[in-house]
Amino acid sequence: MLDAKRGLVLRAPGPNGFVRDLDMARSSTPLHPAHADLESILVTEQAIKRRTRRLGTEIHETYGDEEITVIAIINGALLFTADLLRAISNPVRLDCIRISSYRNETRSLGRPQLLHSLTLDVTNRHVLLIDDILDTGKTLSMVVDLIHQLNPASIKTCVLLDKKGRREVPFDADFVGFEIPDKFVVGYGLDFAERYRNLPCIGVLKPHLQNPPEWA
C-alpha cells in the first residue's frame, strides 16, 4: 500500500514497516540489471512520478505566476530536476552548481567543496534550489549562504529525499519529496562512486558493495 503523505510504498507487515523488497518489484516491472545490487527498494519509480507531479503543483501554488530561477546541484539532482521542471507551469530559468561532498564514500566528508559556480545573475530573482538529498544539511546550508550574497528576491529549497536522522546543522527544505531512514541509497540520480544514477527507483545499496568495491 501507499503512504499518501510521503508517497512511500509500504510492505505490511514487515520488520522495517515501509521497505519494499525486490520480489514485490519483480512482480510488476522488469528490473534494471543494477537492481541486483540493491538490498531493498525504498521508493518506486511510480511513487517518484506521482510525488514529482504533486511537487510541481505545490511550487506553482507558492510562486503564483512568477518566473523562477531554478538552480540544480549536480550531478545528483539532474534526473529529479529534469522531471520536476516538466511538472512546473511557471516560466523558468535554469542554472547548475557543482558541489562535492561524498566523493567515493557512503558518508558526507567534512565541508562541501564548490567545484563550479553559477552563470546566471540571480539578483532580484526568485531562486528555487534543488538537490537530490538533504542529510547533514551542510551542502544546502553552504549553497543557500552563497546565493544570499547575490541578493535574490527570495530563495527556497526543494529536495527529493530528506534523511533527518543524519542532520548535523539545522536546516529544513521548503519542499520535500520523501522522508527516508538513515540508509545509504542510490538510484534516480543518487550514486555511489558515480554508479547507479540511472536506476529508475531509489533503493538501499547492499552492504558489501559500500566498502567500496573494486570496479572493473
N, C-alpha and C. Protein backbone atom coordinates (compact mmCIF):
# COMPACT_ATOMS: atom_id res chain seq x y z
N MET A 1 0.84 -1.20 0.00
CA MET A 1 0.00 0.00 0.00
C MET A 1 0.87 1.24 0.00
N LEU A 2 0.24 2.38 -0.23
CA LEU A 2 0.98 3.62 -0.40
C LEU A 2 0.75 4.55 0.76
N ASP A 3 1.83 5.11 1.29
CA ASP A 3 1.75 6.15 2.30
C ASP A 3 1.38 7.44 1.58
N ALA A 4 0.14 7.89 1.74
CA ALA A 4 -0.35 9.04 0.98
C ALA A 4 0.40 10.32 1.34
N LYS A 5 0.90 10.40 2.56
CA LYS A 5 1.60 11.61 2.98
C LYS A 5 2.93 11.76 2.30
N ARG A 6 3.68 10.65 2.19
CA ARG A 6 5.03 10.73 1.67
C ARG A 6 5.21 10.00 0.34
N GLY A 7 4.23 9.20 -0.08
CA GLY A 7 4.34 8.52 -1.35
C GLY A 7 5.19 7.26 -1.29
N LEU A 8 5.59 6.82 -0.10
CA LEU A 8 6.42 5.63 0.01
C LEU A 8 5.58 4.38 -0.18
N VAL A 9 6.18 3.38 -0.82
CA VAL A 9 5.50 2.10 -0.95
C VAL A 9 5.75 1.29 0.30
N LEU A 10 4.69 0.78 0.88
CA LEU A 10 4.81 0.07 2.15
C LEU A 10 4.65 -1.43 1.97
N ARG A 11 5.29 -2.18 2.86
CA ARG A 11 5.06 -3.60 2.95
C ARG A 11 4.54 -3.86 4.35
N ALA A 12 3.38 -4.46 4.47
CA ALA A 12 2.80 -4.70 5.79
C ALA A 12 2.29 -6.13 5.87
N PRO A 13 2.62 -6.86 6.95
CA PRO A 13 3.57 -6.43 7.99
C PRO A 13 5.01 -6.66 7.53
N GLY A 14 5.96 -6.08 8.24
CA GLY A 14 7.36 -6.28 7.92
C GLY A 14 8.21 -5.61 8.97
N PRO A 15 9.45 -6.06 9.14
CA PRO A 15 10.30 -5.53 10.21
C PRO A 15 10.64 -4.07 10.06
N ASN A 16 10.68 -3.57 8.82
CA ASN A 16 11.05 -2.18 8.61
C ASN A 16 9.86 -1.28 8.38
N GLY A 17 8.70 -1.86 8.17
CA GLY A 17 7.48 -1.06 8.09
C GLY A 17 7.16 -0.50 6.74
N PHE A 18 8.18 -0.13 5.92
CA PHE A 18 7.87 0.53 4.68
C PHE A 18 8.81 0.17 3.53
N VAL A 19 9.76 -0.73 3.76
CA VAL A 19 10.72 -1.06 2.71
C VAL A 19 10.13 -2.10 1.78
N ARG A 20 10.12 -1.80 0.52
CA ARG A 20 9.61 -2.72 -0.47
C ARG A 20 10.75 -3.61 -0.93
N ASP A 21 10.54 -4.95 -0.93
CA ASP A 21 11.63 -5.83 -1.32
C ASP A 21 11.62 -6.09 -2.81
N LEU A 22 12.68 -6.73 -3.30
CA LEU A 22 12.85 -6.91 -4.74
C LEU A 22 11.83 -7.88 -5.32
N ASP A 23 11.37 -8.87 -4.53
CA ASP A 23 10.39 -9.81 -5.05
C ASP A 23 9.11 -9.10 -5.45
N MET A 24 8.66 -8.13 -4.64
CA MET A 24 7.46 -7.37 -4.97
C MET A 24 7.68 -6.53 -6.21
N ALA A 25 8.87 -5.94 -6.36
CA ALA A 25 9.15 -5.11 -7.52
C ALA A 25 9.17 -5.94 -8.79
N ARG A 26 9.68 -7.17 -8.71
CA ARG A 26 9.77 -8.02 -9.89
C ARG A 26 8.39 -8.37 -10.43
N SER A 27 7.40 -8.40 -9.57
CA SER A 27 6.08 -8.83 -9.99
C SER A 27 5.40 -7.83 -10.90
N SER A 28 5.85 -6.55 -10.91
CA SER A 28 5.14 -5.53 -11.66
C SER A 28 5.96 -4.91 -12.78
N THR A 29 7.29 -4.81 -12.64
CA THR A 29 8.11 -4.08 -13.59
C THR A 29 9.39 -4.85 -13.88
N PRO A 30 9.79 -4.97 -15.16
CA PRO A 30 11.08 -5.59 -15.47
C PRO A 30 12.21 -4.81 -14.78
N LEU A 31 13.16 -5.54 -14.19
CA LEU A 31 14.20 -4.90 -13.40
C LEU A 31 15.38 -4.44 -14.25
N HIS A 32 15.89 -3.26 -13.92
CA HIS A 32 17.17 -2.81 -14.44
C HIS A 32 18.24 -3.76 -13.90
N PRO A 33 19.26 -4.11 -14.69
CA PRO A 33 20.28 -5.06 -14.20
C PRO A 33 20.90 -4.67 -12.87
N ALA A 34 21.06 -3.37 -12.61
CA ALA A 34 21.69 -2.94 -11.36
C ALA A 34 20.81 -3.15 -10.15
N HIS A 35 19.52 -3.52 -10.35
CA HIS A 35 18.68 -3.84 -9.20
C HIS A 35 19.28 -4.97 -8.36
N ALA A 36 20.07 -5.82 -8.99
CA ALA A 36 20.67 -6.94 -8.25
C ALA A 36 21.60 -6.45 -7.16
N ASP A 37 22.06 -5.22 -7.23
CA ASP A 37 22.95 -4.66 -6.21
C ASP A 37 22.19 -4.00 -5.06
N LEU A 38 20.86 -4.01 -5.14
CA LEU A 38 20.06 -3.37 -4.10
C LEU A 38 19.59 -4.38 -3.06
N GLU A 39 19.69 -3.97 -1.81
CA GLU A 39 19.17 -4.78 -0.72
C GLU A 39 17.65 -4.67 -0.65
N SER A 40 17.13 -3.48 -0.93
CA SER A 40 15.69 -3.25 -0.91
C SER A 40 15.39 -1.98 -1.68
N ILE A 41 14.13 -1.79 -2.04
CA ILE A 41 13.68 -0.58 -2.72
C ILE A 41 12.87 0.25 -1.74
N LEU A 42 13.27 1.51 -1.58
CA LEU A 42 12.55 2.41 -0.68
C LEU A 42 11.43 3.16 -1.39
N VAL A 43 11.71 3.64 -2.60
CA VAL A 43 10.72 4.43 -3.33
C VAL A 43 10.68 3.93 -4.77
N THR A 44 9.52 3.55 -5.24
CA THR A 44 9.39 3.02 -6.58
C THR A 44 9.37 4.13 -7.63
N GLU A 45 9.57 3.72 -8.87
CA GLU A 45 9.51 4.67 -9.98
C GLU A 45 8.15 5.35 -10.05
N GLN A 46 7.08 4.57 -9.83
CA GLN A 46 5.74 5.14 -9.90
C GLN A 46 5.50 6.16 -8.80
N ALA A 47 5.99 5.89 -7.58
CA ALA A 47 5.83 6.83 -6.48
C ALA A 47 6.59 8.12 -6.74
N ILE A 48 7.77 8.01 -7.34
CA ILE A 48 8.55 9.21 -7.68
C ILE A 48 7.78 10.07 -8.66
N LYS A 49 7.21 9.46 -9.68
CA LYS A 49 6.47 10.22 -10.69
C LYS A 49 5.28 10.95 -10.07
N ARG A 50 4.54 10.23 -9.20
CA ARG A 50 3.36 10.86 -8.58
C ARG A 50 3.77 12.02 -7.69
N ARG A 51 4.80 11.82 -6.89
CA ARG A 51 5.20 12.87 -5.95
C ARG A 51 5.80 14.07 -6.70
N THR A 52 6.51 13.82 -7.78
CA THR A 52 7.09 14.91 -8.56
C THR A 52 5.99 15.79 -9.16
N ARG A 53 4.95 15.16 -9.68
CA ARG A 53 3.83 15.95 -10.21
C ARG A 53 3.20 16.80 -9.13
N ARG A 54 3.05 16.24 -7.93
CA ARG A 54 2.45 16.98 -6.83
C ARG A 54 3.36 18.14 -6.40
N LEU A 55 4.66 17.90 -6.37
CA LEU A 55 5.60 18.97 -6.02
C LEU A 55 5.51 20.12 -7.02
N GLY A 56 5.36 19.80 -8.30
CA GLY A 56 5.20 20.85 -9.30
C GLY A 56 4.00 21.72 -9.01
N THR A 57 2.91 21.09 -8.59
CA THR A 57 1.70 21.83 -8.23
C THR A 57 1.93 22.70 -7.00
N GLU A 58 2.60 22.14 -5.99
CA GLU A 58 2.88 22.89 -4.76
C GLU A 58 3.76 24.10 -5.05
N ILE A 59 4.73 23.92 -5.93
CA ILE A 59 5.63 25.02 -6.26
C ILE A 59 4.88 26.13 -6.99
N HIS A 60 4.01 25.75 -7.91
CA HIS A 60 3.21 26.76 -8.62
C HIS A 60 2.28 27.50 -7.65
N GLU A 61 1.70 26.78 -6.71
CA GLU A 61 0.82 27.41 -5.73
C GLU A 61 1.61 28.40 -4.86
N THR A 62 2.86 28.12 -4.61
CA THR A 62 3.69 29.01 -3.79
C THR A 62 4.10 30.27 -4.54
N TYR A 63 4.49 30.12 -5.79
CA TYR A 63 5.03 31.25 -6.56
C TYR A 63 3.98 31.95 -7.41
N GLY A 64 2.78 31.40 -7.51
CA GLY A 64 1.81 32.00 -8.42
C GLY A 64 2.32 31.91 -9.84
N ASP A 65 2.26 33.00 -10.59
CA ASP A 65 2.74 33.00 -11.98
C ASP A 65 4.13 33.62 -12.12
N GLU A 66 4.82 33.83 -11.00
CA GLU A 66 6.15 34.45 -11.04
C GLU A 66 7.16 33.55 -11.77
N GLU A 67 8.12 34.20 -12.42
CA GLU A 67 9.23 33.45 -13.01
C GLU A 67 10.15 32.95 -11.90
N ILE A 68 10.66 31.73 -12.08
CA ILE A 68 11.54 31.11 -11.09
C ILE A 68 12.90 30.85 -11.72
N THR A 69 13.95 31.17 -10.99
CA THR A 69 15.29 30.75 -11.39
C THR A 69 15.64 29.48 -10.63
N VAL A 70 15.66 28.38 -11.34
CA VAL A 70 15.94 27.08 -10.73
C VAL A 70 17.45 26.83 -10.78
N ILE A 71 18.00 26.46 -9.64
CA ILE A 71 19.42 26.11 -9.56
C ILE A 71 19.51 24.66 -9.09
N ALA A 72 20.05 23.81 -9.94
CA ALA A 72 20.19 22.40 -9.61
C ALA A 72 21.61 22.12 -9.12
N ILE A 73 21.70 21.36 -8.03
CA ILE A 73 23.01 20.91 -7.54
C ILE A 73 23.33 19.61 -8.24
N ILE A 74 24.35 19.64 -9.08
CA ILE A 74 24.67 18.46 -9.89
C ILE A 74 25.94 17.78 -9.36
N ASN A 75 26.01 16.43 -9.64
CA ASN A 75 25.26 15.66 -10.60
C ASN A 75 23.98 15.06 -10.01
N GLY A 76 23.87 14.97 -8.71
CA GLY A 76 22.82 14.19 -8.08
C GLY A 76 21.41 14.61 -8.43
N ALA A 77 21.18 15.91 -8.60
CA ALA A 77 19.81 16.40 -8.81
C ALA A 77 19.41 16.45 -10.28
N LEU A 78 20.23 15.94 -11.18
CA LEU A 78 19.94 16.07 -12.61
C LEU A 78 18.60 15.44 -13.00
N LEU A 79 18.40 14.18 -12.65
CA LEU A 79 17.18 13.49 -13.06
C LEU A 79 15.95 14.11 -12.41
N PHE A 80 16.03 14.36 -11.11
CA PHE A 80 14.91 14.94 -10.38
C PHE A 80 14.56 16.32 -10.94
N THR A 81 15.58 17.13 -11.21
CA THR A 81 15.33 18.47 -11.74
C THR A 81 14.66 18.41 -13.10
N ALA A 82 15.14 17.54 -13.97
CA ALA A 82 14.56 17.43 -15.31
C ALA A 82 13.08 17.06 -15.24
N ASP A 83 12.73 16.11 -14.39
CA ASP A 83 11.32 15.70 -14.28
C ASP A 83 10.49 16.77 -13.57
N LEU A 84 11.07 17.40 -12.55
CA LEU A 84 10.33 18.41 -11.81
C LEU A 84 10.03 19.64 -12.68
N LEU A 85 10.99 20.05 -13.50
CA LEU A 85 10.77 21.21 -14.37
C LEU A 85 9.57 20.99 -15.28
N ARG A 86 9.39 19.76 -15.74
CA ARG A 86 8.25 19.47 -16.62
C ARG A 86 6.93 19.50 -15.87
N ALA A 87 7.00 19.45 -14.54
CA ALA A 87 5.77 19.49 -13.73
C ALA A 87 5.47 20.89 -13.23
N ILE A 88 6.35 21.86 -13.49
CA ILE A 88 6.16 23.25 -13.05
C ILE A 88 5.66 24.07 -14.22
N SER A 89 4.55 24.75 -14.03
CA SER A 89 3.96 25.52 -15.12
C SER A 89 4.46 26.96 -15.19
N ASN A 90 5.24 27.39 -14.22
CA ASN A 90 5.79 28.76 -14.21
C ASN A 90 6.84 28.95 -15.30
N PRO A 91 7.08 30.19 -15.71
CA PRO A 91 8.28 30.48 -16.50
C PRO A 91 9.52 30.15 -15.66
N VAL A 92 10.52 29.51 -16.28
CA VAL A 92 11.67 29.03 -15.52
C VAL A 92 12.97 29.37 -16.25
N ARG A 93 13.95 29.84 -15.48
CA ARG A 93 15.35 29.90 -15.93
C ARG A 93 16.11 28.81 -15.17
N LEU A 94 17.09 28.21 -15.82
CA LEU A 94 17.81 27.09 -15.22
C LEU A 94 19.31 27.35 -15.19
N ASP A 95 19.90 27.07 -14.03
CA ASP A 95 21.35 27.10 -13.89
C ASP A 95 21.74 25.91 -13.01
N CYS A 96 23.03 25.59 -13.02
CA CYS A 96 23.52 24.45 -12.22
C CYS A 96 24.73 24.88 -11.42
N ILE A 97 24.91 24.22 -10.30
CA ILE A 97 26.08 24.44 -9.46
C ILE A 97 26.60 23.06 -9.07
N ARG A 98 27.91 22.90 -9.05
CA ARG A 98 28.50 21.60 -8.76
C ARG A 98 29.21 21.64 -7.41
N ILE A 99 28.82 20.70 -6.55
CA ILE A 99 29.37 20.59 -5.21
C ILE A 99 29.87 19.17 -5.00
N SER A 100 30.98 19.02 -4.29
CA SER A 100 31.49 17.70 -3.94
C SER A 100 31.43 17.53 -2.43
N SER A 101 30.75 16.45 -1.97
CA SER A 101 30.71 16.20 -0.53
C SER A 101 30.94 14.73 -0.17
N TYR A 102 30.57 13.81 -1.09
CA TYR A 102 30.71 12.38 -0.79
C TYR A 102 31.95 11.76 -1.40
N ARG A 103 32.32 12.19 -2.63
CA ARG A 103 33.34 11.51 -3.42
C ARG A 103 32.99 10.02 -3.49
N ASN A 104 33.89 9.09 -3.13
CA ASN A 104 33.58 7.67 -3.24
C ASN A 104 33.29 7.05 -1.88
N GLU A 105 32.64 7.82 -1.01
CA GLU A 105 32.31 7.35 0.33
C GLU A 105 30.80 7.28 0.50
N THR A 106 30.36 6.60 1.57
CA THR A 106 28.93 6.50 1.85
C THR A 106 28.47 7.53 2.86
N ARG A 107 29.39 8.34 3.37
CA ARG A 107 29.07 9.41 4.31
C ARG A 107 29.66 10.72 3.81
N SER A 108 28.95 11.81 4.08
CA SER A 108 29.45 13.12 3.68
C SER A 108 30.75 13.41 4.42
N LEU A 109 31.75 13.92 3.67
CA LEU A 109 33.08 14.12 4.25
C LEU A 109 33.37 15.60 4.46
N GLY A 110 33.37 16.02 5.72
CA GLY A 110 33.78 17.38 6.04
C GLY A 110 32.95 18.45 5.36
N ARG A 111 33.60 19.57 5.08
CA ARG A 111 32.92 20.69 4.45
C ARG A 111 32.80 20.46 2.95
N PRO A 112 31.59 20.68 2.37
CA PRO A 112 31.43 20.51 0.93
C PRO A 112 32.34 21.47 0.16
N GLN A 113 32.76 21.05 -1.02
CA GLN A 113 33.63 21.86 -1.86
C GLN A 113 32.86 22.36 -3.08
N LEU A 114 32.96 23.66 -3.36
CA LEU A 114 32.35 24.24 -4.54
C LEU A 114 33.26 23.98 -5.74
N LEU A 115 32.75 23.24 -6.74
CA LEU A 115 33.55 22.90 -7.91
C LEU A 115 33.21 23.76 -9.12
N HIS A 116 31.95 24.19 -9.23
CA HIS A 116 31.53 25.02 -10.36
C HIS A 116 30.38 25.90 -9.92
N SER A 117 30.52 27.21 -10.08
CA SER A 117 29.52 28.15 -9.58
C SER A 117 28.50 28.52 -10.65
N LEU A 118 27.67 29.51 -10.34
CA LEU A 118 26.56 29.90 -11.21
C LEU A 118 27.04 30.71 -12.40
N THR A 119 26.22 30.70 -13.46
CA THR A 119 26.47 31.55 -14.61
C THR A 119 25.39 32.63 -14.77
N LEU A 120 24.19 32.38 -14.23
CA LEU A 120 23.11 33.36 -14.33
C LEU A 120 23.19 34.40 -13.21
N ASP A 121 22.70 35.58 -13.51
CA ASP A 121 22.56 36.63 -12.50
C ASP A 121 21.24 36.38 -11.76
N VAL A 122 21.31 36.23 -10.44
CA VAL A 122 20.10 35.94 -9.66
C VAL A 122 19.64 37.14 -8.84
N THR A 123 20.24 38.30 -9.05
CA THR A 123 19.84 39.49 -8.32
C THR A 123 18.36 39.79 -8.56
N ASN A 124 17.62 39.96 -7.46
CA ASN A 124 16.18 40.26 -7.51
C ASN A 124 15.36 39.18 -8.22
N ARG A 125 15.87 37.97 -8.23
CA ARG A 125 15.15 36.84 -8.83
C ARG A 125 14.67 35.90 -7.73
N HIS A 126 13.57 35.21 -8.02
CA HIS A 126 13.07 34.18 -7.11
C HIS A 126 13.83 32.88 -7.42
N VAL A 127 14.64 32.43 -6.47
CA VAL A 127 15.51 31.28 -6.68
C VAL A 127 14.92 30.05 -6.01
N LEU A 128 14.87 28.95 -6.76
CA LEU A 128 14.49 27.65 -6.21
C LEU A 128 15.69 26.73 -6.36
N LEU A 129 16.29 26.35 -5.24
CA LEU A 129 17.47 25.49 -5.22
C LEU A 129 17.03 24.04 -5.07
N ILE A 130 17.49 23.19 -5.97
CA ILE A 130 17.05 21.79 -5.99
C ILE A 130 18.24 20.87 -5.75
N ASP A 131 18.05 19.91 -4.83
CA ASP A 131 19.08 18.90 -4.57
C ASP A 131 18.41 17.53 -4.48
N ASP A 132 19.25 16.49 -4.61
CA ASP A 132 18.70 15.14 -4.55
C ASP A 132 18.37 14.72 -3.12
N ILE A 133 19.27 15.04 -2.17
CA ILE A 133 19.06 14.56 -0.81
C ILE A 133 19.56 15.58 0.21
N LEU A 134 18.80 15.72 1.27
CA LEU A 134 19.18 16.55 2.41
C LEU A 134 19.49 15.62 3.56
N ASP A 135 20.78 15.55 3.94
CA ASP A 135 21.14 14.69 5.07
C ASP A 135 21.81 15.49 6.18
N THR A 136 23.11 15.75 6.08
CA THR A 136 23.74 16.54 7.14
C THR A 136 23.28 17.99 7.14
N GLY A 137 22.87 18.48 5.99
CA GLY A 137 22.47 19.88 5.85
C GLY A 137 23.61 20.79 5.46
N LYS A 138 24.84 20.26 5.42
CA LYS A 138 26.00 21.11 5.15
C LYS A 138 25.98 21.69 3.74
N THR A 139 25.66 20.85 2.76
CA THR A 139 25.70 21.31 1.37
C THR A 139 24.68 22.40 1.11
N LEU A 140 23.42 22.13 1.45
CA LEU A 140 22.37 23.12 1.18
C LEU A 140 22.60 24.40 1.98
N SER A 141 23.03 24.27 3.22
CA SER A 141 23.30 25.45 4.04
C SER A 141 24.37 26.32 3.40
N MET A 142 25.44 25.68 2.90
CA MET A 142 26.51 26.42 2.27
C MET A 142 26.05 27.12 1.00
N VAL A 143 25.29 26.39 0.16
CA VAL A 143 24.86 26.97 -1.11
C VAL A 143 23.84 28.09 -0.88
N VAL A 144 22.94 27.91 0.07
CA VAL A 144 21.98 28.97 0.38
C VAL A 144 22.72 30.23 0.83
N ASP A 145 23.72 30.08 1.68
CA ASP A 145 24.51 31.25 2.11
C ASP A 145 25.18 31.92 0.94
N LEU A 146 25.71 31.12 0.02
CA LEU A 146 26.37 31.66 -1.16
C LEU A 146 25.38 32.47 -2.01
N ILE A 147 24.18 31.93 -2.22
CA ILE A 147 23.19 32.60 -3.07
C ILE A 147 22.66 33.85 -2.39
N HIS A 148 22.50 33.81 -1.08
CA HIS A 148 22.04 35.01 -0.36
C HIS A 148 22.97 36.20 -0.61
N GLN A 149 24.25 35.95 -0.77
CA GLN A 149 25.21 37.02 -1.03
C GLN A 149 25.00 37.67 -2.39
N LEU A 150 24.22 37.01 -3.27
CA LEU A 150 23.97 37.53 -4.61
C LEU A 150 22.67 38.32 -4.68
N ASN A 151 22.03 38.53 -3.53
CA ASN A 151 20.84 39.38 -3.42
C ASN A 151 19.64 38.93 -4.26
N PRO A 152 19.21 37.69 -4.11
CA PRO A 152 17.99 37.27 -4.81
C PRO A 152 16.77 37.88 -4.15
N ALA A 153 15.64 37.92 -4.87
CA ALA A 153 14.39 38.39 -4.27
C ALA A 153 13.92 37.41 -3.19
N SER A 154 14.15 36.13 -3.43
CA SER A 154 13.81 35.10 -2.44
C SER A 154 14.59 33.84 -2.79
N ILE A 155 14.72 32.94 -1.82
CA ILE A 155 15.34 31.65 -2.08
C ILE A 155 14.61 30.58 -1.30
N LYS A 156 14.21 29.53 -2.00
CA LYS A 156 13.58 28.37 -1.39
C LYS A 156 14.31 27.12 -1.86
N THR A 157 14.14 26.05 -1.11
CA THR A 157 14.85 24.81 -1.41
C THR A 157 13.87 23.66 -1.61
N CYS A 158 14.23 22.77 -2.52
CA CYS A 158 13.42 21.58 -2.80
C CYS A 158 14.35 20.39 -2.87
N VAL A 159 14.03 19.33 -2.14
CA VAL A 159 14.85 18.11 -2.16
C VAL A 159 13.97 16.91 -2.45
N LEU A 160 14.53 15.97 -3.16
CA LEU A 160 13.81 14.73 -3.42
C LEU A 160 13.68 13.91 -2.14
N LEU A 161 14.79 13.79 -1.39
CA LEU A 161 14.83 12.96 -0.19
C LEU A 161 15.31 13.77 1.01
N ASP A 162 14.72 13.49 2.16
CA ASP A 162 15.14 14.13 3.41
C ASP A 162 15.47 13.03 4.41
N LYS A 163 16.75 12.98 4.81
CA LYS A 163 17.23 11.98 5.77
C LYS A 163 17.48 12.72 7.09
N LYS A 164 16.42 12.94 7.86
CA LYS A 164 16.52 13.75 9.06
C LYS A 164 17.47 13.18 10.10
N GLY A 165 17.62 11.85 10.12
CA GLY A 165 18.48 11.22 11.11
C GLY A 165 19.95 11.53 10.95
N ARG A 166 20.34 12.16 9.83
CA ARG A 166 21.74 12.47 9.59
C ARG A 166 22.07 13.94 9.77
N ARG A 167 21.10 14.76 10.21
CA ARG A 167 21.31 16.20 10.25
C ARG A 167 22.42 16.60 11.24
N GLU A 168 23.34 17.44 10.77
CA GLU A 168 24.41 17.96 11.61
C GLU A 168 24.32 19.47 11.78
N VAL A 169 23.65 20.14 10.87
CA VAL A 169 23.39 21.58 11.01
C VAL A 169 21.89 21.79 10.86
N PRO A 170 21.32 22.77 11.56
CA PRO A 170 19.86 22.97 11.48
C PRO A 170 19.46 23.48 10.10
N PHE A 171 18.68 22.68 9.40
CA PHE A 171 18.22 23.07 8.06
C PHE A 171 17.00 22.26 7.69
N ASP A 172 15.97 22.93 7.16
CA ASP A 172 14.77 22.27 6.65
C ASP A 172 14.49 22.79 5.26
N ALA A 173 14.16 21.89 4.34
CA ALA A 173 13.82 22.29 2.98
C ALA A 173 12.37 22.76 2.93
N ASP A 174 12.08 23.63 1.97
CA ASP A 174 10.72 24.15 1.80
C ASP A 174 9.81 23.12 1.12
N PHE A 175 10.38 22.33 0.23
CA PHE A 175 9.62 21.30 -0.48
C PHE A 175 10.39 19.99 -0.36
N VAL A 176 9.69 18.92 0.05
CA VAL A 176 10.33 17.62 0.26
C VAL A 176 9.54 16.55 -0.47
N GLY A 177 10.26 15.71 -1.21
CA GLY A 177 9.62 14.58 -1.86
C GLY A 177 9.29 13.47 -0.89
N PHE A 178 10.31 12.90 -0.26
CA PHE A 178 10.13 11.77 0.64
C PHE A 178 11.08 11.88 1.83
N GLU A 179 10.59 11.53 3.01
CA GLU A 179 11.47 11.34 4.16
C GLU A 179 11.89 9.88 4.20
N ILE A 180 13.20 9.64 4.40
CA ILE A 180 13.71 8.27 4.41
C ILE A 180 14.56 8.04 5.65
N PRO A 181 14.77 6.76 6.01
CA PRO A 181 15.61 6.45 7.17
C PRO A 181 17.08 6.60 6.83
N ASP A 182 17.93 6.43 7.83
CA ASP A 182 19.37 6.59 7.67
C ASP A 182 19.97 5.34 7.03
N LYS A 183 19.72 5.19 5.74
CA LYS A 183 20.27 4.12 4.93
C LYS A 183 21.00 4.73 3.74
N PHE A 184 22.02 4.05 3.23
CA PHE A 184 22.71 4.58 2.06
C PHE A 184 21.95 4.18 0.81
N VAL A 185 21.42 5.18 0.11
CA VAL A 185 20.54 4.92 -1.02
C VAL A 185 21.17 5.37 -2.33
N VAL A 186 20.75 4.70 -3.40
CA VAL A 186 21.21 5.03 -4.75
C VAL A 186 20.02 4.97 -5.69
N GLY A 187 20.23 5.49 -6.89
CA GLY A 187 19.20 5.45 -7.92
C GLY A 187 18.56 6.80 -8.15
N TYR A 188 17.98 6.97 -9.33
CA TYR A 188 17.30 8.20 -9.73
C TYR A 188 18.18 9.43 -9.46
N GLY A 189 19.42 9.34 -9.93
CA GLY A 189 20.36 10.45 -9.77
C GLY A 189 21.35 10.28 -8.65
N LEU A 190 21.00 9.53 -7.62
CA LEU A 190 21.91 9.32 -6.50
C LEU A 190 22.88 8.20 -6.85
N ASP A 191 24.16 8.39 -6.45
CA ASP A 191 25.18 7.45 -6.89
C ASP A 191 26.00 6.92 -5.73
N PHE A 192 26.78 5.89 -6.06
CA PHE A 192 27.94 5.53 -5.25
C PHE A 192 29.10 5.36 -6.23
N ALA A 193 30.14 6.17 -6.07
CA ALA A 193 31.29 6.15 -6.98
C ALA A 193 30.84 6.32 -8.43
N GLU A 194 29.85 7.19 -8.64
CA GLU A 194 29.29 7.54 -9.94
C GLU A 194 28.52 6.39 -10.61
N ARG A 195 28.21 5.34 -9.86
CA ARG A 195 27.35 4.27 -10.38
C ARG A 195 25.94 4.41 -9.84
N TYR A 196 24.99 3.76 -10.51
CA TYR A 196 23.59 3.60 -10.09
C TYR A 196 22.71 4.82 -10.33
N ARG A 197 23.23 5.91 -10.87
CA ARG A 197 22.39 7.08 -11.07
C ARG A 197 21.21 6.79 -11.99
N ASN A 198 21.37 5.86 -12.92
CA ASN A 198 20.35 5.61 -13.94
C ASN A 198 19.25 4.64 -13.49
N LEU A 199 19.30 4.17 -12.26
CA LEU A 199 18.19 3.34 -11.77
C LEU A 199 16.92 4.19 -11.69
N PRO A 200 15.77 3.66 -12.09
CA PRO A 200 14.54 4.45 -12.07
C PRO A 200 13.89 4.57 -10.70
N CYS A 201 14.35 3.77 -9.74
CA CYS A 201 13.81 3.79 -8.38
C CYS A 201 14.91 4.25 -7.42
N ILE A 202 14.57 4.28 -6.14
CA ILE A 202 15.55 4.60 -5.10
C ILE A 202 15.63 3.41 -4.15
N GLY A 203 16.83 2.87 -3.99
CA GLY A 203 16.97 1.68 -3.17
C GLY A 203 18.20 1.73 -2.28
N VAL A 204 18.25 0.79 -1.34
CA VAL A 204 19.37 0.67 -0.41
C VAL A 204 20.43 -0.23 -1.04
N LEU A 205 21.64 0.29 -1.15
CA LEU A 205 22.73 -0.49 -1.72
C LEU A 205 23.14 -1.60 -0.74
N LYS A 206 23.40 -2.80 -1.27
CA LYS A 206 23.81 -3.91 -0.42
C LYS A 206 25.07 -3.55 0.37
N PRO A 207 25.13 -3.92 1.64
CA PRO A 207 26.25 -3.50 2.49
C PRO A 207 27.63 -3.86 1.95
N HIS A 208 27.78 -5.04 1.35
CA HIS A 208 29.11 -5.45 0.90
C HIS A 208 29.59 -4.64 -0.31
N LEU A 209 28.69 -3.87 -0.94
CA LEU A 209 29.08 -3.02 -2.06
C LEU A 209 29.38 -1.58 -1.62
N GLN A 210 29.28 -1.31 -0.33
CA GLN A 210 29.53 0.02 0.18
C GLN A 210 30.94 0.19 0.74
N ASN A 211 31.88 -0.66 0.39
CA ASN A 211 33.12 -0.77 1.17
C ASN A 211 34.45 -0.08 0.76
N PRO A 212 34.65 0.54 -0.33
CA PRO A 212 33.97 0.44 -1.62
C PRO A 212 34.53 -0.71 -2.43
N PRO A 213 33.81 -1.20 -3.44
CA PRO A 213 34.30 -2.33 -4.24
C PRO A 213 35.37 -1.91 -5.24
N GLU A 214 36.03 -2.92 -5.79
CA GLU A 214 36.97 -2.67 -6.89
C GLU A 214 36.17 -2.72 -8.19
N TRP A 215 36.05 -1.56 -8.87
CA TRP A 215 35.27 -1.52 -10.08
C TRP A 215 36.12 -1.99 -11.26
N ALA A 216 35.50 -2.78 -12.11
CA ALA A 216 36.19 -3.29 -13.31
C ALA A 216 36.33 -2.16 -14.32
